[in-house]
N, C-alpha and C. Protein backbone atom coordinates (compact mmCIF):
# COMPACT_ATOMS: atom_id res chain seq x y z
N MET A 1 103.11 81.45 184.75
CA MET A 1 103.06 80.16 185.37
C MET A 1 104.36 79.97 186.13
N THR A 2 104.22 79.58 187.34
CA THR A 2 105.39 79.37 188.19
C THR A 2 105.69 77.89 188.23
N THR A 3 106.96 77.61 188.16
CA THR A 3 107.33 76.20 188.24
C THR A 3 108.00 75.95 189.58
N ASN A 4 107.56 74.94 190.20
CA ASN A 4 108.17 74.55 191.47
C ASN A 4 109.39 73.68 191.20
N PRO A 5 110.44 73.87 191.99
CA PRO A 5 111.62 73.03 191.77
C PRO A 5 111.30 71.60 192.14
N PRO A 6 111.93 70.68 191.49
CA PRO A 6 111.64 69.27 191.78
C PRO A 6 112.09 68.95 193.21
N PRO A 7 111.40 68.06 193.86
CA PRO A 7 111.79 67.71 195.22
C PRO A 7 113.16 67.01 195.21
N ALA A 8 113.90 67.29 196.28
CA ALA A 8 115.24 66.71 196.39
C ALA A 8 115.13 65.22 196.65
N SER A 9 115.91 64.48 195.94
CA SER A 9 115.88 63.04 196.15
C SER A 9 116.70 62.72 197.40
N PRO A 10 116.40 61.64 198.08
CA PRO A 10 117.12 61.32 199.31
C PRO A 10 118.60 61.04 199.08
N SER A 11 118.99 60.66 197.86
CA SER A 11 120.39 60.33 197.63
C SER A 11 121.21 61.56 197.30
N SER A 12 120.58 62.67 196.88
CA SER A 12 121.35 63.87 196.52
C SER A 12 121.67 64.65 197.78
N PRO A 13 122.84 65.29 197.81
CA PRO A 13 123.21 66.06 198.99
C PRO A 13 122.33 67.29 199.13
N PRO A 14 122.09 67.74 200.33
CA PRO A 14 121.25 68.91 200.52
C PRO A 14 121.94 70.14 199.97
N GLY A 15 121.17 71.11 199.57
CA GLY A 15 121.72 72.34 199.00
C GLY A 15 122.40 73.19 200.06
N PRO A 16 123.12 74.22 199.59
CA PRO A 16 123.85 75.06 200.52
C PRO A 16 122.96 75.85 201.45
N GLY A 17 121.77 76.13 201.06
CA GLY A 17 120.88 76.92 201.89
C GLY A 17 120.08 76.09 202.87
N SER A 18 120.10 74.80 202.81
CA SER A 18 119.27 73.99 203.68
C SER A 18 119.88 73.90 205.06
N ARG A 19 119.05 73.65 206.06
CA ARG A 19 119.49 73.57 207.44
C ARG A 19 120.18 72.25 207.75
N THR A 20 119.89 71.24 207.04
CA THR A 20 120.46 69.92 207.33
C THR A 20 121.65 69.65 206.42
N ALA A 21 122.56 70.59 206.33
CA ALA A 21 123.74 70.45 205.46
C ALA A 21 124.81 69.65 206.19
N GLN A 22 124.53 68.42 206.45
CA GLN A 22 125.50 67.55 207.12
C GLN A 22 126.25 66.76 206.06
N PRO A 23 127.55 66.63 206.25
CA PRO A 23 128.32 65.89 205.26
C PRO A 23 127.97 64.41 205.30
N SER A 24 128.14 63.79 204.17
CA SER A 24 127.85 62.36 204.10
C SER A 24 128.99 61.58 204.76
N LEU A 25 128.75 60.31 204.94
CA LEU A 25 129.76 59.45 205.57
C LEU A 25 131.03 59.42 204.72
N GLY A 26 130.89 59.37 203.43
CA GLY A 26 132.06 59.37 202.53
C GLY A 26 132.87 60.65 202.66
N GLU A 27 132.16 61.79 202.75
CA GLU A 27 132.87 63.06 202.92
C GLU A 27 133.60 63.10 204.25
N LEU A 28 132.98 62.59 205.30
CA LEU A 28 133.63 62.56 206.61
C LEU A 28 134.88 61.69 206.59
N VAL A 29 134.78 60.54 205.95
CA VAL A 29 135.95 59.65 205.85
C VAL A 29 137.04 60.33 205.04
N ALA A 30 136.68 61.02 203.97
CA ALA A 30 137.67 61.73 203.16
C ALA A 30 138.34 62.83 203.96
N ARG A 31 137.56 63.58 204.75
CA ARG A 31 138.13 64.65 205.58
C ARG A 31 139.08 64.06 206.63
N ILE A 32 138.66 62.98 207.26
CA ILE A 32 139.51 62.34 208.27
C ILE A 32 140.80 61.87 207.63
N SER A 33 140.69 61.28 206.46
CA SER A 33 141.88 60.81 205.74
C SER A 33 142.80 61.98 205.42
N GLU A 34 142.24 63.09 204.94
CA GLU A 34 143.05 64.27 204.64
C GLU A 34 143.71 64.82 205.90
N ASN A 35 142.96 64.87 207.01
CA ASN A 35 143.52 65.38 208.27
C ASN A 35 144.65 64.49 208.77
N ILE A 36 144.45 63.19 208.69
CA ILE A 36 145.49 62.26 209.15
C ILE A 36 146.73 62.39 208.27
N THR A 37 146.51 62.49 206.97
CA THR A 37 147.64 62.66 206.04
C THR A 37 148.38 63.95 206.36
N GLY A 38 147.64 65.01 206.60
CA GLY A 38 148.28 66.29 206.95
C GLY A 38 149.04 66.21 208.26
N LEU A 39 148.47 65.54 209.24
CA LEU A 39 149.16 65.38 210.53
C LEU A 39 150.44 64.58 210.38
N ILE A 40 150.37 63.51 209.61
CA ILE A 40 151.55 62.67 209.42
C ILE A 40 152.63 63.45 208.68
N LYS A 41 152.26 64.18 207.62
CA LYS A 41 153.25 64.98 206.89
C LYS A 41 153.85 66.05 207.79
N GLY A 42 153.01 66.66 208.63
CA GLY A 42 153.51 67.67 209.56
C GLY A 42 154.48 67.08 210.57
N GLU A 43 154.17 65.91 211.09
CA GLU A 43 155.07 65.26 212.04
C GLU A 43 156.38 64.87 211.38
N ILE A 44 156.31 64.41 210.13
CA ILE A 44 157.53 64.05 209.40
C ILE A 44 158.39 65.29 209.18
N ASP A 45 157.76 66.39 208.78
CA ASP A 45 158.52 67.63 208.57
C ASP A 45 159.14 68.12 209.88
N LEU A 46 158.39 68.01 210.97
CA LEU A 46 158.91 68.42 212.28
C LEU A 46 160.09 67.54 212.69
N ALA A 47 159.96 66.24 212.46
CA ALA A 47 161.06 65.32 212.80
C ALA A 47 162.29 65.63 211.96
N LYS A 48 162.10 65.95 210.67
CA LYS A 48 163.22 66.30 209.81
C LYS A 48 163.92 67.56 210.33
N ALA A 49 163.13 68.57 210.69
CA ALA A 49 163.70 69.82 211.18
C ALA A 49 164.47 69.59 212.48
N LYS A 50 163.88 68.82 213.38
CA LYS A 50 164.56 68.53 214.65
C LYS A 50 165.83 67.72 214.41
N GLY A 51 165.76 66.76 213.50
CA GLY A 51 166.93 65.95 213.18
C GLY A 51 168.05 66.79 212.59
N LYS A 52 167.70 67.72 211.72
CA LYS A 52 168.70 68.58 211.11
C LYS A 52 169.36 69.46 212.17
N ARG A 53 168.54 70.03 213.04
CA ARG A 53 169.08 70.88 214.10
C ARG A 53 169.97 70.07 215.04
N MET A 54 169.55 68.85 215.36
CA MET A 54 170.33 68.00 216.24
C MET A 54 171.65 67.61 215.57
N ALA A 55 171.62 67.32 214.27
CA ALA A 55 172.84 66.94 213.56
C ALA A 55 173.85 68.08 213.54
N VAL A 56 173.37 69.30 213.39
CA VAL A 56 174.27 70.46 213.39
C VAL A 56 174.93 70.60 214.75
N LYS A 57 174.12 70.49 215.81
CA LYS A 57 174.66 70.60 217.16
C LYS A 57 175.63 69.46 217.47
N LEU A 58 175.25 68.25 217.07
CA LEU A 58 176.13 67.10 217.32
C LEU A 58 177.44 67.23 216.54
N GLY A 59 177.35 67.68 215.31
CA GLY A 59 178.55 67.85 214.50
C GLY A 59 179.52 68.85 215.13
N LEU A 60 178.97 69.95 215.62
CA LEU A 60 179.80 70.95 216.28
C LEU A 60 180.41 70.37 217.55
N GLY A 61 179.61 69.65 218.33
CA GLY A 61 180.11 69.04 219.56
C GLY A 61 181.20 68.02 219.29
N VAL A 62 181.00 67.19 218.27
CA VAL A 62 182.00 66.17 217.94
C VAL A 62 183.30 66.84 217.47
N GLY A 63 183.19 67.88 216.69
CA GLY A 63 184.38 68.61 216.24
C GLY A 63 185.15 69.20 217.41
N LEU A 64 184.42 69.81 218.34
CA LEU A 64 185.08 70.40 219.50
C LEU A 64 185.72 69.33 220.38
N LEU A 65 185.04 68.19 220.54
CA LEU A 65 185.63 67.10 221.32
C LEU A 65 186.88 66.53 220.64
N GLY A 66 186.85 66.44 219.33
CA GLY A 66 188.02 65.97 218.59
C GLY A 66 189.21 66.91 218.79
N ALA A 67 188.96 68.21 218.70
CA ALA A 67 190.02 69.19 218.91
C ALA A 67 190.56 69.10 220.34
N ALA A 68 189.66 68.92 221.30
CA ALA A 68 190.08 68.78 222.69
C ALA A 68 190.94 67.53 222.87
N GLY A 69 190.56 66.44 222.21
CA GLY A 69 191.34 65.21 222.30
C GLY A 69 192.74 65.36 221.73
N VAL A 70 192.85 66.04 220.59
CA VAL A 70 194.16 66.25 219.99
C VAL A 70 195.03 67.11 220.91
N LEU A 71 194.46 68.17 221.45
CA LEU A 71 195.22 69.02 222.35
C LEU A 71 195.62 68.27 223.62
N ALA A 72 194.73 67.43 224.14
CA ALA A 72 195.05 66.64 225.33
C ALA A 72 196.17 65.65 225.03
N LEU A 73 196.16 65.09 223.84
CA LEU A 73 197.23 64.16 223.45
C LEU A 73 198.58 64.87 223.40
N TYR A 74 198.61 66.07 222.81
CA TYR A 74 199.86 66.85 222.80
C TYR A 74 200.29 67.19 224.22
N ALA A 75 199.34 67.58 225.07
CA ALA A 75 199.67 67.93 226.45
C ALA A 75 200.22 66.72 227.18
N PHE A 76 199.65 65.55 226.95
CA PHE A 76 200.14 64.32 227.58
C PHE A 76 201.57 64.03 227.14
N GLY A 77 201.84 64.22 225.88
CA GLY A 77 203.21 64.04 225.37
C GLY A 77 204.18 64.99 226.04
N MET A 78 203.73 66.23 226.21
CA MET A 78 204.59 67.21 226.88
C MET A 78 204.84 66.81 228.33
N LEU A 79 203.81 66.31 229.02
CA LEU A 79 203.98 65.86 230.41
C LEU A 79 204.96 64.69 230.48
N LEU A 80 204.83 63.76 229.55
CA LEU A 80 205.76 62.63 229.54
C LEU A 80 207.19 63.11 229.28
N HIS A 81 207.33 64.04 228.39
CA HIS A 81 208.66 64.59 228.10
C HIS A 81 209.22 65.29 229.34
N ALA A 82 208.37 66.06 230.02
CA ALA A 82 208.83 66.74 231.23
C ALA A 82 209.21 65.74 232.31
N ALA A 83 208.43 64.64 232.44
CA ALA A 83 208.76 63.62 233.43
C ALA A 83 210.11 62.99 233.11
N ALA A 84 210.35 62.68 231.85
CA ALA A 84 211.62 62.08 231.45
C ALA A 84 212.77 63.05 231.72
N ARG A 85 212.57 64.34 231.44
CA ARG A 85 213.61 65.34 231.69
C ARG A 85 213.84 65.50 233.19
N GLY A 86 212.74 65.41 233.96
CA GLY A 86 212.89 65.52 235.42
C GLY A 86 213.69 64.37 235.98
N ILE A 87 213.39 63.17 235.52
CA ILE A 87 214.17 62.01 235.96
C ILE A 87 215.61 62.15 235.46
N GLY A 88 215.77 62.78 234.31
CA GLY A 88 217.10 62.99 233.73
C GLY A 88 217.97 63.92 234.56
N GLU A 89 217.39 64.66 235.48
CA GLU A 89 218.18 65.51 236.37
C GLU A 89 218.94 64.67 237.39
N ALA A 90 218.33 63.54 237.80
CA ALA A 90 218.99 62.69 238.80
C ALA A 90 219.79 61.58 238.14
N LEU A 91 219.32 61.12 236.99
CA LEU A 91 219.98 60.05 236.24
C LEU A 91 220.36 60.60 234.87
N PRO A 92 221.04 59.81 234.07
CA PRO A 92 221.29 60.28 232.70
C PRO A 92 219.96 60.45 231.95
N LEU A 93 219.93 61.36 231.01
CA LEU A 93 218.70 61.68 230.27
C LEU A 93 218.11 60.45 229.60
N TRP A 94 218.93 59.61 229.02
CA TRP A 94 218.43 58.41 228.36
C TRP A 94 217.72 57.50 229.36
N ALA A 95 218.16 57.45 230.60
CA ALA A 95 217.51 56.62 231.64
C ALA A 95 216.13 57.17 231.98
N GLY A 96 216.01 58.50 232.00
CA GLY A 96 214.70 59.11 232.26
C GLY A 96 213.69 58.71 231.20
N TYR A 97 214.09 58.80 229.94
CA TYR A 97 213.20 58.40 228.86
C TYR A 97 212.89 56.91 228.92
N LEU A 98 213.88 56.12 229.28
CA LEU A 98 213.67 54.68 229.38
C LEU A 98 212.67 54.35 230.49
N ILE A 99 212.80 54.99 231.62
CA ILE A 99 211.87 54.73 232.74
C ILE A 99 210.45 55.12 232.35
N VAL A 100 210.27 56.27 231.73
CA VAL A 100 208.92 56.70 231.30
C VAL A 100 208.36 55.71 230.28
N ALA A 101 209.16 55.26 229.33
CA ALA A 101 208.69 54.32 228.32
C ALA A 101 208.28 52.99 228.96
N VAL A 102 209.06 52.48 229.92
CA VAL A 102 208.73 51.22 230.58
C VAL A 102 207.43 51.35 231.37
N VAL A 103 207.25 52.47 232.07
CA VAL A 103 206.00 52.69 232.82
C VAL A 103 204.81 52.70 231.85
N LEU A 104 204.95 53.38 230.73
CA LEU A 104 203.86 53.42 229.74
C LEU A 104 203.58 52.02 229.17
N LEU A 105 204.60 51.24 228.93
CA LEU A 105 204.39 49.88 228.43
C LEU A 105 203.67 49.01 229.47
N ILE A 106 204.02 49.16 230.73
CA ILE A 106 203.35 48.38 231.79
C ILE A 106 201.87 48.78 231.87
N ILE A 107 201.59 50.09 231.84
CA ILE A 107 200.19 50.54 231.87
C ILE A 107 199.44 50.03 230.65
N GLY A 108 200.07 50.09 229.49
CA GLY A 108 199.43 49.58 228.26
C GLY A 108 199.14 48.09 228.34
N ALA A 109 200.08 47.31 228.90
CA ALA A 109 199.87 45.86 229.03
C ALA A 109 198.71 45.56 229.97
N VAL A 110 198.64 46.28 231.10
CA VAL A 110 197.53 46.07 232.05
C VAL A 110 196.19 46.41 231.38
N LEU A 111 196.14 47.52 230.67
CA LEU A 111 194.90 47.90 229.97
C LEU A 111 194.53 46.87 228.91
N ALA A 112 195.51 46.32 228.21
CA ALA A 112 195.24 45.31 227.19
C ALA A 112 194.66 44.04 227.81
N VAL A 113 195.21 43.61 228.94
CA VAL A 113 194.70 42.40 229.60
C VAL A 113 193.27 42.62 230.09
N VAL A 114 193.02 43.77 230.71
CA VAL A 114 191.66 44.06 231.20
C VAL A 114 190.69 44.15 230.02
N GLY A 115 191.12 44.80 228.94
CA GLY A 115 190.26 44.92 227.76
C GLY A 115 189.96 43.56 227.14
N LYS A 116 190.94 42.70 227.08
CA LYS A 116 190.74 41.35 226.52
C LYS A 116 189.73 40.57 227.36
N ARG A 117 189.83 40.70 228.69
CA ARG A 117 188.86 40.01 229.56
C ARG A 117 187.45 40.54 229.34
N LYS A 118 187.32 41.84 229.18
CA LYS A 118 185.99 42.43 228.94
C LYS A 118 185.43 41.95 227.60
N ILE A 119 186.27 41.87 226.58
CA ILE A 119 185.81 41.38 225.27
C ILE A 119 185.37 39.92 225.36
N ASP A 120 186.16 39.11 226.05
CA ASP A 120 185.80 37.70 226.21
C ASP A 120 184.48 37.56 226.96
N ALA A 121 184.29 38.38 228.01
CA ALA A 121 183.04 38.33 228.76
C ALA A 121 181.86 38.76 227.89
N GLY A 122 182.09 39.75 227.04
CA GLY A 122 181.02 40.20 226.14
C GLY A 122 180.68 39.16 225.10
N LEU A 123 181.69 38.47 224.57
CA LEU A 123 181.44 37.45 223.56
C LEU A 123 180.76 36.22 224.15
N ALA A 124 181.02 35.94 225.44
CA ALA A 124 180.38 34.80 226.09
C ALA A 124 178.88 35.05 226.25
N ASP A 125 178.49 36.31 226.26
CA ASP A 125 177.08 36.66 226.45
C ASP A 125 176.40 37.01 225.13
N THR A 126 176.92 36.51 224.02
CA THR A 126 176.35 36.79 222.71
C THR A 126 175.01 36.08 222.57
N PRO A 127 173.96 36.83 222.18
CA PRO A 127 172.66 36.19 222.01
C PRO A 127 172.65 35.26 220.80
N ASN A 128 171.86 34.20 220.90
CA ASN A 128 171.72 33.24 219.81
C ASN A 128 170.25 33.23 219.41
N PRO A 129 169.85 34.03 218.43
CA PRO A 129 168.44 34.14 218.08
C PRO A 129 167.86 32.84 217.52
N GLN A 130 168.69 31.98 216.93
CA GLN A 130 168.17 30.74 216.36
C GLN A 130 167.57 29.86 217.47
N GLU A 131 168.22 29.82 218.62
CA GLU A 131 167.71 28.99 219.72
C GLU A 131 166.36 29.52 220.19
N GLY A 132 166.26 30.85 220.32
CA GLY A 132 164.99 31.44 220.75
C GLY A 132 163.88 31.16 219.76
N LEU A 133 164.19 31.24 218.47
CA LEU A 133 163.19 30.97 217.44
C LEU A 133 162.75 29.51 217.48
N LYS A 134 163.72 28.60 217.67
CA LYS A 134 163.38 27.17 217.75
C LYS A 134 162.47 26.91 218.94
N GLN A 135 162.77 27.54 220.07
CA GLN A 135 161.93 27.36 221.25
C GLN A 135 160.53 27.90 221.00
N ASN A 136 160.43 29.06 220.36
CA ASN A 136 159.12 29.63 220.07
C ASN A 136 158.31 28.73 219.14
N VAL A 137 158.95 28.14 218.14
CA VAL A 137 158.27 27.24 217.21
C VAL A 137 157.77 26.01 217.96
N GLU A 138 158.62 25.46 218.84
CA GLU A 138 158.21 24.28 219.62
C GLU A 138 157.03 24.60 220.52
N ILE A 139 157.06 25.75 221.17
CA ILE A 139 155.94 26.15 222.05
C ILE A 139 154.67 26.32 221.23
N ALA A 140 154.78 26.93 220.04
CA ALA A 140 153.59 27.11 219.19
C ALA A 140 153.05 25.76 218.73
N LYS A 141 153.94 24.81 218.39
CA LYS A 141 153.49 23.49 217.98
C LYS A 141 152.77 22.78 219.12
N GLU A 142 153.34 22.87 220.33
CA GLU A 142 152.72 22.23 221.48
C GLU A 142 151.36 22.85 221.78
N ALA A 143 151.27 24.19 221.70
CA ALA A 143 150.00 24.86 221.96
C ALA A 143 148.96 24.47 220.92
N LEU A 144 149.39 24.38 219.66
CA LEU A 144 148.47 23.99 218.60
C LEU A 144 148.00 22.55 218.80
N ALA A 145 148.91 21.66 219.16
CA ALA A 145 148.55 20.26 219.38
C ALA A 145 147.60 20.13 220.56
N SER A 146 147.87 20.84 221.65
CA SER A 146 146.97 20.74 222.80
C SER A 146 145.61 21.37 222.50
N GLY A 147 145.59 22.43 221.68
CA GLY A 147 144.31 23.04 221.28
C GLY A 147 143.50 22.08 220.41
N LEU A 148 144.18 21.39 219.50
CA LEU A 148 143.48 20.41 218.65
C LEU A 148 142.94 19.27 219.48
N GLU A 149 143.72 18.80 220.46
CA GLU A 149 143.26 17.71 221.33
C GLU A 149 142.02 18.14 222.12
N LYS A 150 142.04 19.35 222.65
CA LYS A 150 140.89 19.84 223.41
C LYS A 150 139.68 20.00 222.50
N GLY A 151 139.93 20.44 221.26
CA GLY A 151 138.82 20.60 220.31
C GLY A 151 138.23 19.26 219.91
N ASN A 152 139.05 18.24 219.80
CA ASN A 152 138.56 16.92 219.43
C ASN A 152 137.83 16.24 220.58
N GLN A 153 138.13 16.62 221.81
CA GLN A 153 137.47 16.02 222.98
C GLN A 153 136.05 16.52 223.13
N LYS A 154 135.71 17.64 222.60
CA LYS A 154 134.36 18.20 222.77
C LYS A 154 133.36 17.53 221.93
């Protein structure tokens, strides 16, 4: 006696050998969720790798710029010393150093005045977020009031 297999119920998934082996909606949503999760994790890993590589390059660049700045500072000191010695050929050596120091103080004072003006100009343009928020709240209240009035007129 041969037994026939029971007919497949509409709620059970089709067997592996059937032609209509389409995934259910739940399976599709699960696959999409897994794919999106995988993509997001991959993008995060890629961003981490790029950030690490960028940090290494930036660190090396900052170190080299720092070394260049220190060397430039020493070179500037040497130039100032040479200028003072050069002036010292025509005048006494102490006068050469005095002239170089006075010139540096004048340049420093001019830079300080210009810097102070720039700081004052920057502070005058400081944003005030509280005012913007108050204006936005007032606009929203007015819009709500006018919407209620229009709704009551109908």
